[in-house]
């Protein structure tokens, strides 16, 4: 399904076509929002989430490819009073970090945000600074958000602030 609104084009497609559509958007230099596949009953909510995110996103929120992702859209919706639950934001942003086996990574991320630097965060956690930097790389690998870059850091910090 394709619709246009306020100069934006929203394409709702099946999971099997999502990568191809995203590649076409990037190839043409357009901006877009790529969401996880949803069932038919969630399509209207997905449309509102993507459209609202593209409407409200600051330019630096767009990835180097010009795309917003699910986590970005959820944080933008949360900030703008959209119909997104904090638990949804936590799952979209922190996802794998919420697993029991990765609690140390979530605690590392929180310490990094709390302390402001890797060295002081490492001291507060009683780990070597290289260990902390390795853990931050794992956070980036698992979430797709680099805590050292402004927008991804904001997304991660927002999710950490509302995570239990």
C-alpha atoms as a PDB file:
ATOM      1  CA  UNK A   1       0.000   0.000   0.000  1.00  0.00           C
ATOM      2  CA  UNK A   2       1.332   3.439  -0.914  1.00  0.00           C
ATOM      3  CA  UNK A   3      -0.057   6.753   0.321  1.00  0.00           C
ATOM      4  CA  UNK A   4       1.141  10.338   0.211  1.00  0.00           C
ATOM      5  CA  UNK A   5       0.617  12.890   2.953  1.00  0.00           C
ATOM      6  CA  UNK A   6       2.188  16.321   3.393  1.00  0.00           C
ATOM      7  CA  UNK A   7       4.751  15.581   0.690  1.00  0.00           C
ATOM      8  CA  UNK A   8       5.761  12.254   2.242  1.00  0.00           C
ATOM      9  CA  UNK A   9       5.257   8.872   0.712  1.00  0.00           C
ATOM     10  CA  UNK A  10       4.464   5.993   3.045  1.00  0.00           C
ATOM     11  CA  UNK A  11       4.886   2.484   1.701  1.00  0.00           C
ATOM     12  CA  UNK A  12       3.485  -0.404   3.697  1.00  0.00           C
ATOM     13  CA  UNK A  13       4.993  -3.587   2.381  1.00  0.00           C
ATOM     14  CA  UNK A  14       5.485  -7.165   3.394  1.00  0.00           C
ATOM     15  CA  UNK A  15       8.667  -8.309   5.127  1.00  0.00           C
ATOM     16  CA  UNK A  16       9.875  -9.998   1.940  1.00  0.00           C
ATOM     17  CA  UNK A  17       9.923  -6.648   0.079  1.00  0.00           C
ATOM     18  CA  UNK A  18      11.075  -4.356   2.910  1.00  0.00           C
ATOM     19  CA  UNK A  19      14.807  -4.482   2.113  1.00  0.00           C
ATOM     20  CA  UNK A  20      14.202  -3.819  -1.566  1.00  0.00           C
ATOM     21  CA  UNK A  21      11.930  -0.843  -0.821  1.00  0.00           C
ATOM     22  CA  UNK A  22      14.427   0.574   1.716  1.00  0.00           C
ATOM     23  CA  UNK A  23      17.229   0.205  -0.852  1.00  0.00           C
ATOM     24  CA  UNK A  24      15.142   2.064  -3.451  1.00  0.00           C
ATOM     25  CA  UNK A  25      14.500   4.899  -0.990  1.00  0.00           C
ATOM     26  CA  UNK A  26      18.215   5.188  -0.202  1.00  0.00           C
ATOM     27  CA  UNK A  27      19.192   4.959  -3.884  1.00  0.00           C
ATOM     28  CA  UNK A  28      16.942   7.900  -4.741  1.00  0.00           C
ATOM     29  CA  UNK A  29      18.226   9.990  -1.813  1.00  0.00           C
ATOM     30  CA  UNK A  30      14.825  10.105  -0.148  1.00  0.00           C
ATOM     31  CA  UNK A  31      14.132   9.959   3.552  1.00  0.00           C
ATOM     32  CA  UNK A  32      12.148   7.125   5.046  1.00  0.00           C
ATOM     33  CA  UNK A  33      11.254   5.177   8.125  1.00  0.00           C
ATOM     34  CA  UNK A  34      11.771   1.427   8.221  1.00  0.00           C
ATOM     35  CA  UNK A  35       9.696  -0.460  10.780  1.00  0.00           C
ATOM     36  CA  UNK A  36       9.672  -4.088  11.807  1.00  0.00           C
ATOM     37  CA  UNK A  37       7.119  -6.259   9.962  1.00  0.00           C
ATOM     38  CA  UNK A  38       3.617  -6.130  11.429  1.00  0.00           C
ATOM     39  CA  UNK A  39       0.381  -7.980  11.082  1.00  0.00           C
ATOM     40  CA  UNK A  40      -2.553  -6.575   9.156  1.00  0.00           C
ATOM     41  CA  UNK A  41      -4.236  -5.384  12.350  1.00  0.00           C
ATOM     42  CA  UNK A  42      -1.247  -3.154  13.176  1.00  0.00           C
ATOM     43  CA  UNK A  43      -0.844  -1.446   9.813  1.00  0.00           C
ATOM     44  CA  UNK A  44      -2.690   1.744  10.706  1.00  0.00           C
ATOM     45  CA  UNK A  45      -0.594   2.146  13.878  1.00  0.00           C
ATOM     46  CA  UNK A  46       2.577   1.500  11.846  1.00  0.00           C
ATOM     47  CA  UNK A  47       1.524   4.123   9.326  1.00  0.00           C
ATOM     48  CA  UNK A  48       0.926   6.710  12.064  1.00  0.00           C
ATOM     49  CA  UNK A  49       4.234   5.847  13.747  1.00  0.00           C
ATOM     50  CA  UNK A  50       6.272   6.189  10.529  1.00  0.00           C
ATOM     51  CA  UNK A  51       4.459   9.292   9.305  1.00  0.00           C
ATOM     52  CA  UNK A  52       4.722  11.020  12.687  1.00  0.00           C
ATOM     53  CA  UNK A  53       8.404  10.170  13.000  1.00  0.00           C
ATOM     54  CA  UNK A  54       9.210  11.564   9.572  1.00  0.00           C
ATOM     55  CA  UNK A  55       7.205  14.701  10.362  1.00  0.00           C
ATOM     56  CA  UNK A  56       8.916  15.392  13.691  1.00  0.00           C
ATOM     57  CA  UNK A  57      12.430  13.967  13.288  1.00  0.00           C
ATOM     58  CA  UNK A  58      15.283  16.437  13.468  1.00  0.00           C
ATOM     59  CA  UNK A  59      17.602  16.177  10.446  1.00  0.00           C
ATOM     60  CA  UNK A  60      20.418  14.633  12.499  1.00  0.00           C
ATOM     61  CA  UNK A  61      18.122  11.764  13.531  1.00  0.00           C
ATOM     62  CA  UNK A  62      18.217  10.332  10.027  1.00  0.00           C
ATOM     63  CA  UNK A  63      20.912   7.721   9.598  1.00  0.00           C
ATOM     64  CA  UNK A  64      23.680   8.164   7.065  1.00  0.00           C
ATOM     65  CA  UNK A  65      21.355   6.360   4.653  1.00  0.00           C
ATOM     66  CA  UNK A  66      18.513   8.866   5.239  1.00  0.00           C
ATOM     67  CA  UNK A  67      16.389   6.363   7.130  1.00  0.00           C
ATOM     68  CA  UNK A  68      14.803   6.295  10.552  1.00  0.00           C
ATOM     69  CA  UNK A  69      14.505   2.919  12.228  1.00  0.00           C
ATOM     70  CA  UNK A  70      11.931   1.456  14.607  1.00  0.00           C
ATOM     71  CA  UNK A  71      13.779   2.665  17.723  1.00  0.00           C
ATOM     72  CA  UNK A  72      14.086   6.202  16.356  1.00  0.00           C
ATOM     73  CA  UNK A  73      10.399   6.321  15.476  1.00  0.00           C
ATOM     74  CA  UNK A  74       9.377   5.046  18.914  1.00  0.00           C
ATOM     75  CA  UNK A  75      11.488   7.631  20.775  1.00  0.00           C
ATOM     76  CA  UNK A  76      10.185  10.444  18.562  1.00  0.00           C
ATOM     77  CA  UNK A  77       6.604   9.287  19.178  1.00  0.00           C
ATOM     78  CA  UNK A  78       7.226   9.124  22.930  1.00  0.00           C
ATOM     79  CA  UNK A  79       8.624  12.664  22.961  1.00  0.00           C
ATOM     80  CA  UNK A  80       5.716  13.981  20.920  1.00  0.00           C
ATOM     81  CA  UNK A  81       3.014  12.374  23.027  1.00  0.00           C
ATOM     82  CA  UNK A  82       2.246   9.684  20.481  1.00  0.00           C
ATOM     83  CA  UNK A  83       0.462   6.470  21.315  1.00  0.00           C
ATOM     84  CA  UNK A  84       3.553   4.450  22.183  1.00  0.00           C
ATOM     85  CA  UNK A  85       4.035   2.791  25.539  1.00  0.00           C
ATOM     86  CA  UNK A  86       7.335   3.161  27.399  1.00  0.00           C
ATOM     87  CA  UNK A  87       7.684  -0.641  27.353  1.00  0.00           C
ATOM     88  CA  UNK A  88       7.481  -0.565  23.558  1.00  0.00           C
ATOM     89  CA  UNK A  89      10.235   2.050  23.428  1.00  0.00           C
ATOM     90  CA  UNK A  90      12.421  -0.006  25.776  1.00  0.00           C
ATOM     91  CA  UNK A  91      12.007  -3.127  23.644  1.00  0.00           C
ATOM     92  CA  UNK A  92      12.562  -1.289  20.354  1.00  0.00           C
ATOM     93  CA  UNK A  93      15.706   0.491  21.528  1.00  0.00           C
ATOM     94  CA  UNK A  94      17.310  -1.797  24.083  1.00  0.00           C
ATOM     95  CA  UNK A  95      15.966  -5.128  22.776  1.00  0.00           C
ATOM     96  CA  UNK A  96      18.767  -7.644  23.323  1.00  0.00           C
ATOM     97  CA  UNK A  97      20.171  -5.685  26.278  1.00  0.00           C
ATOM     98  CA  UNK A  98      17.049  -6.556  28.255  1.00  0.00           C
ATOM     99  CA  UNK A  99      17.908 -10.263  28.168  1.00  0.00           C
ATOM    100  CA  UNK A 100      19.254 -11.665  31.424  1.00  0.00           C
ATOM    101  CA  UNK A 101      22.588 -12.589  29.813  1.00  0.00           C
ATOM    102  CA  UNK A 102      23.150  -8.977  28.743  1.00  0.00           C
ATOM    103  CA  UNK A 103      22.280  -7.170  31.964  1.00  0.00           C
ATOM    104  CA  UNK A 104      25.969  -6.295  32.404  1.00  0.00           C
ATOM    105  CA  UNK A 105      25.838  -4.422  29.090  1.00  0.00           C
ATOM    106  CA  UNK A 106      22.782  -2.445  30.165  1.00  0.00           C
ATOM    107  CA  UNK A 107      24.452  -1.594  33.477  1.00  0.00           C
ATOM    108  CA  UNK A 108      27.599  -0.558  31.590  1.00  0.00           C
ATOM    109  CA  UNK A 109      25.548   1.726  29.363  1.00  0.00           C
ATOM    110  CA  UNK A 110      23.808   3.304  32.353  1.00  0.00           C
ATOM    111  CA  UNK A 111      27.160   3.844  34.102  1.00  0.00           C
ATOM    112  CA  UNK A 112      28.586   5.427  30.951  1.00  0.00           C
ATOM    113  CA  UNK A 113      25.671   7.857  30.744  1.00  0.00           C
ATOM    114  CA  UNK A 114      25.740   8.571  34.473  1.00  0.00           C
ATOM    115  CA  UNK A 115      29.507   9.166  34.678  1.00  0.00           C
ATOM    116  CA  UNK A 116      30.044  10.869  31.322  1.00  0.00           C
ATOM    117  CA  UNK A 117      33.274   9.165  30.292  1.00  0.00           C
ATOM    118  CA  UNK A 118      34.410   5.610  29.737  1.00  0.00           C
ATOM    119  CA  UNK A 119      37.233   5.929  32.259  1.00  0.00           C
ATOM    120  CA  UNK A 120      35.084   7.136  35.137  1.00  0.00           C
ATOM    121  CA  UNK A 121      32.341   4.650  34.239  1.00  0.00           C
ATOM    122  CA  UNK A 122      34.915   1.849  34.271  1.00  0.00           C
ATOM    123  CA  UNK A 123      36.115   2.981  37.701  1.00  0.00           C
ATOM    124  CA  UNK A 124      32.570   3.048  39.058  1.00  0.00           C
ATOM    125  CA  UNK A 125      31.976  -0.502  37.783  1.00  0.00           C
ATOM    126  CA  UNK A 126      35.404  -1.715  38.946  1.00  0.00           C
ATOM    127  CA  UNK A 127      36.388  -2.884  35.460  1.00  0.00           C
ATOM    128  CA  UNK A 128      39.254  -1.959  33.172  1.00  0.00           C
ATOM    129  CA  UNK A 129      38.572   0.920  30.749  1.00  0.00           C
ATOM    130  CA  UNK A 130      39.188  -1.431  27.798  1.00  0.00           C
ATOM    131  CA  UNK A 131      36.532  -3.793  29.178  1.00  0.00           C
ATOM    132  CA  UNK A 132      34.076  -0.932  29.319  1.00  0.00           C
ATOM    133  CA  UNK A 133      34.887   0.150  25.760  1.00  0.00           C
ATOM    134  CA  UNK A 134      34.453  -3.433  24.574  1.00  0.00           C
ATOM    135  CA  UNK A 135      31.054  -3.572  26.260  1.00  0.00           C
ATOM    136  CA  UNK A 136      30.028  -0.319  24.587  1.00  0.00           C
ATOM    137  CA  UNK A 137      31.010  -1.828  21.217  1.00  0.00           C
ATOM    138  CA  UNK A 138      28.794  -4.828  22.054  1.00  0.00           C
ATOM    139  CA  UNK A 139      25.942  -2.423  22.859  1.00  0.00           C
ATOM    140  CA  UNK A 140      26.402  -0.853  19.426  1.00  0.00           C
ATOM    141  CA  UNK A 141      26.512  -4.264  17.722  1.00  0.00           C
ATOM    142  CA  UNK A 142      23.414  -5.542  19.510  1.00  0.00           C
ATOM    143  CA  UNK A 143      21.251  -2.411  19.314  1.00  0.00           C
ATOM    144  CA  UNK A 144      22.527  -0.701  16.186  1.00  0.00           C
ATOM    145  CA  UNK A 145      22.993   2.507  18.223  1.00  0.00           C
ATOM    146  CA  UNK A 146      26.430   3.940  18.901  1.00  0.00           C
ATOM    147  CA  UNK A 147      26.480   5.544  22.369  1.00  0.00           C
ATOM    148  CA  UNK A 148      29.293   7.837  21.191  1.00  0.00           C
ATOM    149  CA  UNK A 149      27.231   9.552  18.470  1.00  0.00           C
ATOM    150  CA  UNK A 150      24.732  12.283  19.424  1.00  0.00           C
ATOM    151  CA  UNK A 151      21.390  11.010  18.089  1.00  0.00           C
ATOM    152  CA  UNK A 152      21.945   7.305  18.814  1.00  0.00           C
ATOM    153  CA  UNK A 153      23.163   8.273  22.291  1.00  0.00           C
ATOM    154  CA  UNK A 154      19.983  10.296  22.835  1.00  0.00           C
ATOM    155  CA  UNK A 155      17.853   7.348  21.763  1.00  0.00           C
ATOM    156  CA  UNK A 156      19.744   4.993  24.087  1.00  0.00           C
ATOM    157  CA  UNK A 157      19.661   7.451  26.993  1.00  0.00           C
ATOM    158  CA  UNK A 158      15.935   8.002  26.591  1.00  0.00           C
ATOM    159  CA  UNK A 159      15.290   4.263  26.647  1.00  0.00           C
ATOM    160  CA  UNK A 160      17.570   3.791  29.665  1.00  0.00           C
ATOM    161  CA  UNK A 161      15.786   6.600  31.498  1.00  0.00           C
ATOM    162  CA  UNK A 162      12.415   4.857  31.157  1.00  0.00           C
ATOM    163  CA  UNK A 163      13.685   1.294  31.584  1.00  0.00           C
ATOM    164  CA  UNK A 164      13.005  -0.296  34.963  1.00  0.00           C
END
